[in-house]
Amino acid sequence: MKIQEINLGEINYPYQLSQIYSPPKKLYVLGNIEILREKSIAIVGCREASNYGKNIAMDLAYNLGRKNIITVSGLARGIDTFCHMGSIKAKAKTIAVVAHGLDMIYPKENRNLAIKILELGGAIVSEYNIGERPLKRNFVARNRIISGLSKSLVVIEAKKKSGSLITANFSLNEGRDVYAVPGNINNVNSKGTNELIKNGANLLTSYLDLTY
């Protein structure tokens, strides 16, 4: 599949992403380039997700998919993976934003998941050229794209210091709606999400709580 390129300022560059503080000067895209300009909701969370978090991510993305709402996540292990899987279960479109060049898939075990995303009319997006490896600093930068493409962000399980909270801060700074799923107060994976709710994030217990 051919890698497509979109430059900032071009008519097909996603409008919502163009409005953030530091939009990527160029996007590289595999798959359906048109969906980047459609209404979408981002779902993120920790890699070491519990079954509770995985089930919520799967069910939320599935129900959004049944309403033809596009989901955006990062193709990482844990919550991201189950978000994409939920959309696929609904035979819906989902966008994976990755932190490396599109000549590879990371993590490797998600290669078949990436193929299914493309088969169902979704897209895999990066700001990095071919050959760029998944360096740690790239994931932080990647998070602003996940947030920037989306009208709203849902955080499902996040530790007190996590990339998901960085993504939430990007969304808050850009005036986007942020939702958090409450969790067990004794679970380390719930420290970040419960803190978000205490600080004013919308509490989410069902896909019906979301506004699109």
N, C-alpha and C. Protein backbone atom coordinates (compact mmCIF):
# COMPACT_ATOMS: atom_id res chain seq x y z
N MET A 1 0.84 -1.20 0.00
CA MET A 1 0.00 0.00 0.00
C MET A 1 0.88 1.25 0.00
N LYS A 2 0.51 2.20 -0.81
CA LYS A 2 1.32 3.41 -0.97
C LYS A 2 1.16 4.35 0.23
N ILE A 3 2.28 4.92 0.68
CA ILE A 3 2.26 5.92 1.74
C ILE A 3 1.92 7.27 1.12
N GLN A 4 0.87 7.91 1.64
CA GLN A 4 0.46 9.23 1.17
C GLN A 4 1.03 10.31 2.09
N GLU A 5 1.22 11.50 1.56
CA GLU A 5 1.76 12.61 2.34
C GLU A 5 0.79 13.80 2.30
N ILE A 6 0.64 14.45 3.45
CA ILE A 6 -0.17 15.67 3.53
C ILE A 6 0.67 16.74 4.22
N ASN A 7 0.80 17.89 3.61
CA ASN A 7 1.54 19.00 4.19
C ASN A 7 0.59 19.98 4.88
N LEU A 8 1.05 20.53 5.99
CA LEU A 8 0.29 21.56 6.70
C LEU A 8 -0.04 22.70 5.73
N GLY A 9 -1.29 23.11 5.72
CA GLY A 9 -1.71 24.17 4.81
C GLY A 9 -2.43 23.66 3.58
N GLU A 10 -2.29 22.37 3.27
CA GLU A 10 -3.01 21.80 2.13
C GLU A 10 -4.47 21.57 2.50
N ILE A 11 -5.32 21.54 1.50
CA ILE A 11 -6.76 21.47 1.72
C ILE A 11 -7.18 20.17 2.40
N ASN A 12 -6.42 19.09 2.21
CA ASN A 12 -6.81 17.82 2.82
C ASN A 12 -6.14 17.57 4.17
N TYR A 13 -5.44 18.58 4.70
CA TYR A 13 -4.85 18.46 6.04
C TYR A 13 -5.99 18.54 7.06
N PRO A 14 -6.01 17.66 8.07
CA PRO A 14 -7.12 17.66 9.04
C PRO A 14 -7.24 19.00 9.76
N TYR A 15 -8.42 19.61 9.65
CA TYR A 15 -8.61 20.96 10.19
C TYR A 15 -8.36 21.01 11.70
N GLN A 16 -8.96 20.07 12.44
CA GLN A 16 -8.81 20.10 13.91
C GLN A 16 -7.35 20.00 14.31
N LEU A 17 -6.59 19.18 13.60
CA LEU A 17 -5.17 19.04 13.92
C LEU A 17 -4.41 20.32 13.59
N SER A 18 -4.82 21.01 12.55
CA SER A 18 -4.14 22.25 12.16
C SER A 18 -4.30 23.35 13.20
N GLN A 19 -5.29 23.20 14.10
CA GLN A 19 -5.58 24.24 15.08
C GLN A 19 -4.79 24.09 16.39
N ILE A 20 -4.02 23.02 16.54
CA ILE A 20 -3.29 22.85 17.80
C ILE A 20 -2.04 23.73 17.82
N TYR A 21 -1.42 23.84 18.97
CA TYR A 21 -0.28 24.73 19.16
C TYR A 21 0.88 24.41 18.22
N SER A 22 1.18 23.12 18.07
CA SER A 22 2.33 22.73 17.23
C SER A 22 1.94 21.59 16.29
N PRO A 23 1.15 21.90 15.25
CA PRO A 23 0.73 20.83 14.33
C PRO A 23 1.91 20.28 13.53
N PRO A 24 1.90 19.00 13.21
CA PRO A 24 2.96 18.43 12.37
C PRO A 24 3.02 19.14 11.02
N LYS A 25 4.21 19.43 10.56
CA LYS A 25 4.35 20.07 9.25
C LYS A 25 3.96 19.12 8.13
N LYS A 26 4.10 17.83 8.39
CA LYS A 26 3.75 16.82 7.38
C LYS A 26 3.20 15.59 8.07
N LEU A 27 2.20 14.98 7.45
CA LEU A 27 1.68 13.69 7.91
C LEU A 27 1.92 12.65 6.83
N TYR A 28 2.29 11.44 7.27
CA TYR A 28 2.40 10.29 6.38
C TYR A 28 1.25 9.36 6.73
N VAL A 29 0.56 8.88 5.72
CA VAL A 29 -0.68 8.13 5.95
C VAL A 29 -0.72 6.86 5.11
N LEU A 30 -1.05 5.75 5.76
CA LEU A 30 -1.42 4.51 5.07
C LEU A 30 -2.93 4.34 5.20
N GLY A 31 -3.60 4.04 4.11
CA GLY A 31 -5.03 3.78 4.18
C GLY A 31 -5.88 4.97 3.77
N ASN A 32 -7.02 5.09 4.44
CA ASN A 32 -8.07 6.02 4.07
C ASN A 32 -7.76 7.43 4.58
N ILE A 33 -7.23 8.26 3.72
CA ILE A 33 -6.82 9.62 4.10
C ILE A 33 -8.01 10.51 4.41
N GLU A 34 -9.17 10.19 3.86
CA GLU A 34 -10.36 11.04 4.02
C GLU A 34 -10.86 11.07 5.46
N ILE A 35 -10.70 9.97 6.20
CA ILE A 35 -11.29 9.91 7.54
C ILE A 35 -10.56 10.81 8.54
N LEU A 36 -9.38 11.31 8.18
CA LEU A 36 -8.65 12.19 9.09
C LEU A 36 -9.38 13.51 9.30
N ARG A 37 -10.28 13.84 8.41
CA ARG A 37 -11.03 15.11 8.53
C ARG A 37 -12.44 14.89 9.06
N GLU A 38 -12.76 13.64 9.40
CA GLU A 38 -14.09 13.34 9.94
C GLU A 38 -14.08 13.41 11.47
N LYS A 39 -15.28 13.48 12.04
CA LYS A 39 -15.42 13.57 13.49
C LYS A 39 -14.93 12.27 14.14
N SER A 40 -14.12 12.40 15.18
CA SER A 40 -13.57 11.20 15.82
C SER A 40 -13.39 11.43 17.32
N ILE A 41 -13.27 10.33 18.05
CA ILE A 41 -13.05 10.36 19.49
C ILE A 41 -11.81 9.52 19.79
N ALA A 42 -10.90 10.08 20.58
CA ALA A 42 -9.67 9.37 20.94
C ALA A 42 -9.89 8.58 22.23
N ILE A 43 -9.28 7.40 22.27
CA ILE A 43 -9.32 6.55 23.46
C ILE A 43 -7.90 6.13 23.77
N VAL A 44 -7.43 6.43 24.98
CA VAL A 44 -6.06 6.09 25.37
C VAL A 44 -6.05 5.50 26.77
N GLY A 45 -4.92 4.89 27.14
CA GLY A 45 -4.77 4.32 28.48
C GLY A 45 -3.46 3.60 28.59
N CYS A 46 -3.25 2.96 29.72
CA CYS A 46 -1.94 2.39 30.01
C CYS A 46 -1.69 1.08 29.26
N ARG A 47 -0.43 0.78 29.07
CA ARG A 47 -0.03 -0.46 28.39
C ARG A 47 -0.27 -1.68 29.27
N GLU A 48 -0.04 -1.55 30.57
CA GLU A 48 -0.23 -2.68 31.50
C GLU A 48 -1.67 -2.69 31.99
N ALA A 49 -2.60 -2.73 31.05
CA ALA A 49 -4.02 -2.59 31.38
C ALA A 49 -4.56 -3.84 32.09
N SER A 50 -5.53 -3.61 32.97
CA SER A 50 -6.22 -4.72 33.62
C SER A 50 -7.33 -5.23 32.70
N ASN A 51 -7.91 -6.36 33.05
CA ASN A 51 -9.05 -6.87 32.27
C ASN A 51 -10.21 -5.88 32.30
N TYR A 52 -10.38 -5.20 33.43
CA TYR A 52 -11.41 -4.15 33.56
C TYR A 52 -11.21 -3.09 32.49
N GLY A 53 -10.00 -2.58 32.38
CA GLY A 53 -9.70 -1.53 31.41
C GLY A 53 -9.83 -2.01 29.98
N LYS A 54 -9.33 -3.22 29.71
CA LYS A 54 -9.41 -3.78 28.36
C LYS A 54 -10.86 -3.94 27.91
N ASN A 55 -11.69 -4.46 28.83
CA ASN A 55 -13.10 -4.67 28.48
C ASN A 55 -13.82 -3.36 28.21
N ILE A 56 -13.51 -2.33 29.01
CA ILE A 56 -14.14 -1.03 28.79
C ILE A 56 -13.71 -0.45 27.45
N ALA A 57 -12.42 -0.53 27.14
CA ALA A 57 -11.91 0.00 25.87
C ALA A 57 -12.58 -0.70 24.69
N MET A 58 -12.68 -2.01 24.78
CA MET A 58 -13.29 -2.80 23.71
C MET A 58 -14.76 -2.43 23.53
N ASP A 59 -15.50 -2.40 24.64
CA ASP A 59 -16.94 -2.12 24.57
C ASP A 59 -17.22 -0.70 24.11
N LEU A 60 -16.43 0.26 24.60
CA LEU A 60 -16.63 1.65 24.22
C LEU A 60 -16.40 1.85 22.73
N ALA A 61 -15.28 1.33 22.23
CA ALA A 61 -14.98 1.47 20.80
C ALA A 61 -16.01 0.73 19.94
N TYR A 62 -16.45 -0.43 20.41
CA TYR A 62 -17.45 -1.20 19.67
C TYR A 62 -18.75 -0.40 19.54
N ASN A 63 -19.22 0.15 20.64
CA ASN A 63 -20.48 0.90 20.62
C ASN A 63 -20.36 2.19 19.82
N LEU A 64 -19.22 2.85 19.88
CA LEU A 64 -19.01 4.02 19.04
C LEU A 64 -18.97 3.63 17.57
N GLY A 65 -18.33 2.50 17.29
CA GLY A 65 -18.26 2.01 15.91
C GLY A 65 -19.62 1.71 15.33
N ARG A 66 -20.50 1.17 16.15
CA ARG A 66 -21.87 0.88 15.69
C ARG A 66 -22.63 2.17 15.34
N LYS A 67 -22.18 3.29 15.89
CA LYS A 67 -22.78 4.59 15.57
C LYS A 67 -21.97 5.33 14.50
N ASN A 68 -21.05 4.59 13.87
CA ASN A 68 -20.19 5.15 12.82
C ASN A 68 -19.30 6.29 13.31
N ILE A 69 -18.92 6.24 14.59
CA ILE A 69 -17.97 7.20 15.14
C ILE A 69 -16.57 6.62 15.03
N ILE A 70 -15.68 7.36 14.44
CA ILE A 70 -14.29 6.91 14.26
C ILE A 70 -13.53 7.05 15.57
N THR A 71 -12.76 6.04 15.92
CA THR A 71 -11.91 6.12 17.11
C THR A 71 -10.47 6.37 16.69
N VAL A 72 -9.74 7.01 17.58
CA VAL A 72 -8.32 7.29 17.37
C VAL A 72 -7.55 6.77 18.57
N SER A 73 -6.48 6.03 18.32
CA SER A 73 -5.62 5.58 19.42
C SER A 73 -4.21 5.37 18.86
N GLY A 74 -3.34 4.74 19.67
CA GLY A 74 -1.93 4.72 19.32
C GLY A 74 -1.31 3.39 18.95
N LEU A 75 -2.13 2.34 18.79
CA LEU A 75 -1.66 1.01 18.37
C LEU A 75 -0.66 0.40 19.36
N ALA A 76 -0.58 0.95 20.57
CA ALA A 76 0.32 0.40 21.57
C ALA A 76 -0.33 -0.80 22.25
N ARG A 77 0.45 -1.50 23.06
CA ARG A 77 -0.12 -2.58 23.87
C ARG A 77 -1.13 -2.01 24.85
N GLY A 78 -2.01 -2.86 25.34
CA GLY A 78 -2.94 -2.44 26.38
C GLY A 78 -4.19 -1.79 25.83
N ILE A 79 -4.57 -0.65 26.42
CA ILE A 79 -5.83 0.02 26.09
C ILE A 79 -5.92 0.35 24.60
N ASP A 80 -4.83 0.86 24.01
CA ASP A 80 -4.85 1.22 22.59
C ASP A 80 -5.27 0.03 21.73
N THR A 81 -4.65 -1.11 21.99
CA THR A 81 -4.93 -2.32 21.22
C THR A 81 -6.42 -2.67 21.30
N PHE A 82 -6.99 -2.63 22.50
CA PHE A 82 -8.38 -3.05 22.68
C PHE A 82 -9.35 -2.01 22.13
N CYS A 83 -8.93 -0.76 22.09
CA CYS A 83 -9.74 0.25 21.40
C CYS A 83 -9.86 -0.10 19.91
N HIS A 84 -8.73 -0.33 19.26
CA HIS A 84 -8.76 -0.68 17.83
C HIS A 84 -9.54 -1.98 17.60
N MET A 85 -9.37 -2.95 18.51
CA MET A 85 -10.07 -4.22 18.36
C MET A 85 -11.59 -4.04 18.47
N GLY A 86 -12.03 -3.14 19.37
CA GLY A 86 -13.46 -2.90 19.51
C GLY A 86 -14.06 -2.30 18.25
N SER A 87 -13.34 -1.36 17.63
CA SER A 87 -13.81 -0.78 16.37
C SER A 87 -13.86 -1.84 15.28
N ILE A 88 -12.85 -2.69 15.23
CA ILE A 88 -12.82 -3.75 14.22
C ILE A 88 -13.97 -4.73 14.44
N LYS A 89 -14.26 -5.05 15.70
CA LYS A 89 -15.38 -5.94 16.00
C LYS A 89 -16.69 -5.37 15.45
N ALA A 90 -16.82 -4.04 15.48
CA ALA A 90 -18.01 -3.39 14.94
C ALA A 90 -17.91 -3.15 13.44
N LYS A 91 -16.80 -3.62 12.84
CA LYS A 91 -16.53 -3.39 11.41
C LYS A 91 -16.53 -1.89 11.09
N ALA A 92 -15.96 -1.13 12.01
CA ALA A 92 -15.92 0.33 11.89
C ALA A 92 -14.49 0.80 11.62
N LYS A 93 -14.40 2.06 11.25
CA LYS A 93 -13.10 2.66 10.93
C LYS A 93 -12.42 3.15 12.20
N THR A 94 -11.12 2.99 12.26
CA THR A 94 -10.32 3.47 13.38
C THR A 94 -8.99 4.00 12.85
N ILE A 95 -8.43 4.96 13.55
CA ILE A 95 -7.17 5.59 13.16
C ILE A 95 -6.11 5.26 14.19
N ALA A 96 -4.98 4.73 13.74
CA ALA A 96 -3.84 4.45 14.61
C ALA A 96 -2.74 5.47 14.33
N VAL A 97 -2.35 6.22 15.36
CA VAL A 97 -1.26 7.19 15.23
C VAL A 97 -0.02 6.58 15.86
N VAL A 98 1.04 6.41 15.07
CA VAL A 98 2.22 5.71 15.53
C VAL A 98 3.41 6.66 15.68
N ALA A 99 4.43 6.18 16.39
CA ALA A 99 5.57 7.02 16.75
C ALA A 99 6.83 6.63 16.00
N HIS A 100 6.66 6.20 14.75
CA HIS A 100 7.79 5.73 13.94
C HIS A 100 7.41 5.83 12.47
N GLY A 101 8.37 5.53 11.60
CA GLY A 101 8.08 5.53 10.18
C GLY A 101 7.12 4.42 9.80
N LEU A 102 6.41 4.60 8.70
CA LEU A 102 5.38 3.64 8.29
C LEU A 102 5.93 2.42 7.55
N ASP A 103 7.23 2.25 7.57
CA ASP A 103 7.84 1.04 7.00
C ASP A 103 7.88 -0.09 8.02
N MET A 104 7.32 0.13 9.21
CA MET A 104 7.32 -0.90 10.25
C MET A 104 6.05 -0.74 11.08
N ILE A 105 5.77 -1.76 11.91
CA ILE A 105 4.70 -1.69 12.89
C ILE A 105 5.29 -2.03 14.25
N TYR A 106 5.00 -1.19 15.22
CA TYR A 106 5.46 -1.42 16.60
C TYR A 106 4.28 -1.26 17.54
N PRO A 107 4.08 -2.25 18.44
CA PRO A 107 4.83 -3.49 18.61
C PRO A 107 4.53 -4.50 17.49
N LYS A 108 5.46 -5.41 17.28
CA LYS A 108 5.34 -6.35 16.17
C LYS A 108 4.09 -7.22 16.26
N GLU A 109 3.65 -7.52 17.48
CA GLU A 109 2.48 -8.40 17.61
C GLU A 109 1.19 -7.73 17.11
N ASN A 110 1.23 -6.44 16.87
CA ASN A 110 0.05 -5.75 16.36
C ASN A 110 0.04 -5.60 14.84
N ARG A 111 0.91 -6.32 14.17
CA ARG A 111 0.96 -6.24 12.72
C ARG A 111 -0.37 -6.66 12.09
N ASN A 112 -0.92 -7.80 12.54
CA ASN A 112 -2.20 -8.26 11.98
C ASN A 112 -3.33 -7.29 12.30
N LEU A 113 -3.27 -6.67 13.47
CA LEU A 113 -4.25 -5.66 13.84
C LEU A 113 -4.17 -4.47 12.89
N ALA A 114 -2.95 -4.05 12.57
CA ALA A 114 -2.75 -2.93 11.63
C ALA A 114 -3.32 -3.27 10.26
N ILE A 115 -3.10 -4.49 9.82
CA ILE A 115 -3.63 -4.92 8.51
C ILE A 115 -5.16 -4.86 8.51
N LYS A 116 -5.77 -5.30 9.61
CA LYS A 116 -7.24 -5.30 9.70
C LYS A 116 -7.77 -3.86 9.71
N ILE A 117 -7.07 -2.97 10.39
CA ILE A 117 -7.47 -1.55 10.40
C ILE A 117 -7.56 -1.02 8.97
N LEU A 118 -6.56 -1.33 8.17
CA LEU A 118 -6.53 -0.85 6.78
C LEU A 118 -7.60 -1.53 5.94
N GLU A 119 -7.81 -2.82 6.16
CA GLU A 119 -8.82 -3.55 5.38
C GLU A 119 -10.22 -2.99 5.59
N LEU A 120 -10.49 -2.46 6.78
CA LEU A 120 -11.82 -1.95 7.10
C LEU A 120 -11.97 -0.46 6.82
N GLY A 121 -11.01 0.11 6.09
CA GLY A 121 -11.13 1.51 5.69
C GLY A 121 -10.58 2.51 6.68
N GLY A 122 -9.78 2.03 7.62
CA GLY A 122 -9.14 2.92 8.58
C GLY A 122 -7.82 3.46 8.06
N ALA A 123 -7.04 4.05 8.98
CA ALA A 123 -5.78 4.66 8.57
C ALA A 123 -4.72 4.50 9.65
N ILE A 124 -3.47 4.45 9.21
CA ILE A 124 -2.33 4.49 10.12
C ILE A 124 -1.54 5.75 9.78
N VAL A 125 -1.26 6.56 10.80
CA VAL A 125 -0.73 7.91 10.60
C VAL A 125 0.55 8.10 11.39
N SER A 126 1.48 8.85 10.80
CA SER A 126 2.71 9.21 11.50
C SER A 126 3.21 10.56 10.99
N GLU A 127 3.96 11.26 11.83
CA GLU A 127 4.65 12.45 11.35
C GLU A 127 6.10 12.13 11.01
N TYR A 128 6.48 10.84 11.15
CA TYR A 128 7.87 10.44 10.95
C TYR A 128 8.07 9.74 9.61
N ASN A 129 9.17 10.06 8.98
CA ASN A 129 9.49 9.49 7.67
C ASN A 129 9.94 8.04 7.81
N ILE A 130 9.97 7.37 6.69
CA ILE A 130 10.45 5.98 6.64
C ILE A 130 11.84 5.90 7.26
N GLY A 131 12.04 4.88 8.07
CA GLY A 131 13.34 4.67 8.70
C GLY A 131 13.42 5.14 10.13
N GLU A 132 12.49 6.01 10.54
CA GLU A 132 12.50 6.50 11.92
C GLU A 132 12.03 5.40 12.86
N ARG A 133 12.83 5.14 13.90
CA ARG A 133 12.52 4.07 14.85
C ARG A 133 11.62 4.60 15.97
N PRO A 134 10.99 3.72 16.73
CA PRO A 134 10.09 4.14 17.80
C PRO A 134 10.84 4.58 19.06
N LEU A 135 11.46 5.75 18.99
CA LEU A 135 12.21 6.29 20.11
C LEU A 135 11.25 6.83 21.18
N LYS A 136 11.72 6.84 22.42
CA LYS A 136 10.86 7.25 23.54
C LYS A 136 10.29 8.65 23.34
N ARG A 137 11.13 9.59 22.87
CA ARG A 137 10.66 10.97 22.72
C ARG A 137 9.55 11.09 21.66
N ASN A 138 9.54 10.16 20.70
CA ASN A 138 8.53 10.21 19.64
C ASN A 138 7.12 9.95 20.17
N PHE A 139 7.03 9.14 21.23
CA PHE A 139 5.70 8.80 21.75
C PHE A 139 5.04 10.00 22.41
N VAL A 140 5.83 10.83 23.09
CA VAL A 140 5.27 12.04 23.69
C VAL A 140 4.75 12.97 22.60
N ALA A 141 5.54 13.16 21.55
CA ALA A 141 5.12 14.02 20.44
C ALA A 141 3.90 13.43 19.72
N ARG A 142 3.88 12.11 19.59
CA ARG A 142 2.75 11.42 18.93
C ARG A 142 1.43 11.71 19.63
N ASN A 143 1.48 11.86 20.96
CA ASN A 143 0.26 12.03 21.74
C ASN A 143 -0.51 13.30 21.37
N ARG A 144 0.22 14.35 20.95
CA ARG A 144 -0.47 15.59 20.57
C ARG A 144 -1.28 15.40 19.29
N ILE A 145 -0.86 14.44 18.44
CA ILE A 145 -1.59 14.15 17.21
C ILE A 145 -2.86 13.37 17.53
N ILE A 146 -2.76 12.38 18.42
CA ILE A 146 -3.95 11.64 18.86
C ILE A 146 -4.99 12.61 19.39
N SER A 147 -4.56 13.51 20.26
CA SER A 147 -5.46 14.52 20.81
C SER A 147 -5.96 15.48 19.74
N GLY A 148 -5.06 15.93 18.88
CA GLY A 148 -5.38 16.95 17.90
C GLY A 148 -6.37 16.51 16.84
N LEU A 149 -6.37 15.23 16.51
CA LEU A 149 -7.30 14.72 15.49
C LEU A 149 -8.72 14.59 16.02
N SER A 150 -8.89 14.67 17.34
CA SER A 150 -10.14 14.24 17.96
C SER A 150 -10.91 15.38 18.61
N LYS A 151 -12.22 15.27 18.55
CA LYS A 151 -13.09 16.23 19.22
C LYS A 151 -13.04 16.04 20.73
N SER A 152 -12.97 14.78 21.16
CA SER A 152 -12.97 14.45 22.58
C SER A 152 -11.93 13.36 22.84
N LEU A 153 -11.50 13.27 24.09
CA LEU A 153 -10.53 12.26 24.51
C LEU A 153 -11.07 11.50 25.71
N VAL A 154 -10.96 10.18 25.66
CA VAL A 154 -11.34 9.32 26.79
C VAL A 154 -10.08 8.65 27.33
N VAL A 155 -9.86 8.77 28.62
CA VAL A 155 -8.72 8.09 29.27
C VAL A 155 -9.25 6.93 30.08
N ILE A 156 -8.77 5.73 29.77
CA ILE A 156 -9.16 4.51 30.49
C ILE A 156 -7.91 3.93 31.13
N GLU A 157 -7.80 4.02 32.43
CA GLU A 157 -6.66 3.55 33.20
C GLU A 157 -5.38 4.32 32.86
N ALA A 158 -4.88 5.03 33.86
CA ALA A 158 -3.62 5.77 33.70
C ALA A 158 -2.96 5.86 35.07
N LYS A 159 -1.68 5.58 35.09
CA LYS A 159 -0.93 5.74 36.34
C LYS A 159 -0.74 7.23 36.62
N LYS A 160 -0.23 7.52 37.82
CA LYS A 160 -0.11 8.92 38.24
C LYS A 160 0.77 9.71 37.28
N LYS A 161 1.80 9.07 36.74
CA LYS A 161 2.64 9.69 35.72
C LYS A 161 2.59 8.78 34.50
N SER A 162 1.97 9.25 33.42
CA SER A 162 1.81 8.39 32.25
C SER A 162 1.66 9.21 30.99
N GLY A 163 1.89 8.57 29.86
CA GLY A 163 1.69 9.22 28.57
C GLY A 163 0.25 9.60 28.33
N SER A 164 -0.67 8.83 28.91
CA SER A 164 -2.10 9.13 28.74
C SER A 164 -2.46 10.47 29.38
N LEU A 165 -1.83 10.79 30.50
CA LEU A 165 -2.09 12.08 31.14
C LEU A 165 -1.47 13.22 30.33
N ILE A 166 -0.35 12.95 29.67
CA ILE A 166 0.23 13.94 28.76
C ILE A 166 -0.75 14.23 27.63
N THR A 167 -1.35 13.15 27.09
CA THR A 167 -2.35 13.32 26.03
C THR A 167 -3.54 14.13 26.54
N ALA A 168 -3.99 13.84 27.77
CA ALA A 168 -5.10 14.58 28.36
C ALA A 168 -4.75 16.06 28.50
N ASN A 169 -3.52 16.36 28.89
CA ASN A 169 -3.10 17.76 29.02
C ASN A 169 -3.10 18.47 27.67
N PHE A 170 -2.67 17.76 26.62
CA PHE A 170 -2.75 18.34 25.27
C PHE A 170 -4.20 18.70 24.95
N SER A 171 -5.12 17.78 25.22
CA SER A 171 -6.54 18.02 24.93
C SER A 171 -7.09 19.19 25.73
N LEU A 172 -6.77 19.24 27.02
CA LEU A 172 -7.26 20.32 27.87
C LEU A 172 -6.73 21.67 27.39
N ASN A 173 -5.45 21.70 27.03
CA ASN A 173 -4.84 22.95 26.57
C ASN A 173 -5.44 23.43 25.25
N GLU A 174 -5.96 22.50 24.47
CA GLU A 174 -6.56 22.87 23.18
C GLU A 174 -8.08 23.05 23.28
N GLY A 175 -8.61 22.98 24.49
CA GLY A 175 -10.04 23.19 24.69
C GLY A 175 -10.91 22.03 24.24
N ARG A 176 -10.33 20.84 24.17
CA ARG A 176 -11.11 19.65 23.79
C ARG A 176 -11.75 19.04 25.04
N ASP A 177 -12.82 18.28 24.84
CA ASP A 177 -13.48 17.60 25.96
C ASP A 177 -12.65 16.40 26.41
N VAL A 178 -12.47 16.27 27.72
CA VAL A 178 -11.73 15.14 28.27
C VAL A 178 -12.64 14.36 29.21
N TYR A 179 -12.69 13.04 29.00
CA TYR A 179 -13.46 12.12 29.84
C TYR A 179 -12.50 11.13 30.48
N ALA A 180 -12.84 10.70 31.67
CA ALA A 180 -12.02 9.68 32.35
C ALA A 180 -12.93 8.62 32.96
N VAL A 181 -12.48 7.38 32.88
CA VAL A 181 -13.23 6.26 33.46
C VAL A 181 -12.76 6.05 34.89
N PRO A 182 -13.65 6.08 35.87
CA PRO A 182 -13.23 5.87 37.26
C PRO A 182 -12.78 4.44 37.50
N GLY A 183 -11.92 4.27 38.50
CA GLY A 183 -11.43 2.93 38.80
C GLY A 183 -11.22 2.73 40.29
N ASN A 184 -10.82 1.54 40.65
CA ASN A 184 -10.54 1.15 42.03
C ASN A 184 -9.48 2.07 42.63
N ILE A 185 -9.78 2.69 43.76
CA ILE A 185 -8.85 3.66 44.35
C ILE A 185 -7.55 3.00 44.82
N ASN A 186 -7.55 1.68 44.95
CA ASN A 186 -6.34 0.98 45.38
C ASN A 186 -5.52 0.46 44.21
N ASN A 187 -6.00 0.67 43.00
CA ASN A 187 -5.31 0.17 41.81
C ASN A 187 -4.43 1.27 41.24
N VAL A 188 -3.15 0.97 41.05
CA VAL A 188 -2.21 1.96 40.53
C VAL A 188 -2.64 2.49 39.16
N ASN A 189 -3.34 1.65 38.39
CA ASN A 189 -3.79 2.07 37.06
C ASN A 189 -4.92 3.09 37.10
N SER A 190 -5.52 3.28 38.28
CA SER A 190 -6.63 4.22 38.40
C SER A 190 -6.22 5.56 39.01
N LYS A 191 -4.98 5.67 39.46
CA LYS A 191 -4.54 6.90 40.13
C LYS A 191 -4.69 8.10 39.22
N GLY A 192 -4.25 7.96 37.97
CA GLY A 192 -4.29 9.08 37.04
C GLY A 192 -5.70 9.45 36.61
N THR A 193 -6.52 8.43 36.31
CA THR A 193 -7.89 8.72 35.85
C THR A 193 -8.73 9.32 36.98
N ASN A 194 -8.61 8.77 38.18
CA ASN A 194 -9.37 9.33 39.29
C ASN A 194 -8.94 10.77 39.59
N GLU A 195 -7.66 11.05 39.43
CA GLU A 195 -7.16 12.41 39.63
C GLU A 195 -7.72 13.36 38.57
N LEU A 196 -7.82 12.88 37.33
CA LEU A 196 -8.42 13.69 36.26
C LEU A 196 -9.85 14.08 36.63
N ILE A 197 -10.60 13.12 37.14
CA ILE A 197 -12.00 13.39 37.51
C ILE A 197 -12.05 14.39 38.66
N LYS A 198 -11.19 14.23 39.65
CA LYS A 198 -11.15 15.18 40.77
C LYS A 198 -10.86 16.59 40.28
N ASN A 199 -10.06 16.69 39.21
CA ASN A 199 -9.66 18.00 38.69
C ASN A 199 -10.60 18.54 37.62
N GLY A 200 -11.74 17.87 37.40
CA GLY A 200 -12.75 18.44 36.53
C GLY A 200 -13.01 17.72 35.22
N ALA A 201 -12.30 16.63 34.93
CA ALA A 201 -12.60 15.87 33.72
C ALA A 201 -14.00 15.25 33.84
N ASN A 202 -14.64 15.05 32.72
CA ASN A 202 -15.96 14.42 32.71
C ASN A 202 -15.85 12.95 33.11
N LEU A 203 -16.69 12.53 34.03
CA LEU A 203 -16.71 11.13 34.44
C LEU A 203 -17.46 10.32 33.38
N LEU A 204 -16.87 9.23 32.94
CA LEU A 204 -17.50 8.40 31.90
C LEU A 204 -17.74 6.99 32.42
N THR A 205 -18.99 6.54 32.34
CA THR A 205 -19.32 5.16 32.69
C THR A 205 -19.98 4.42 31.53
N SER A 206 -20.26 5.13 30.44
CA SER A 206 -20.91 4.54 29.29
C SER A 206 -20.64 5.40 28.05
N TYR A 207 -20.71 4.79 26.88
CA TYR A 207 -20.56 5.57 25.66
C TYR A 207 -21.66 6.62 25.52
N LEU A 208 -22.77 6.41 26.24
CA LEU A 208 -23.87 7.38 26.20
C LEU A 208 -23.51 8.70 26.89
N ASP A 209 -22.44 8.69 27.70
CA ASP A 209 -22.01 9.92 28.37
C ASP A 209 -21.30 10.88 27.41
N LEU A 210 -20.88 10.38 26.25
CA LEU A 210 -20.10 11.19 25.32
C LEU A 210 -21.00 12.08 24.48
N THR A 211 -20.49 13.25 24.15
CA THR A 211 -21.14 14.10 23.15
C THR A 211 -20.27 14.08 21.92
N TYR A 212 -20.88 13.94 20.74
CA TYR A 212 -20.11 13.83 19.51
C TYR A 212 -20.26 15.11 18.71
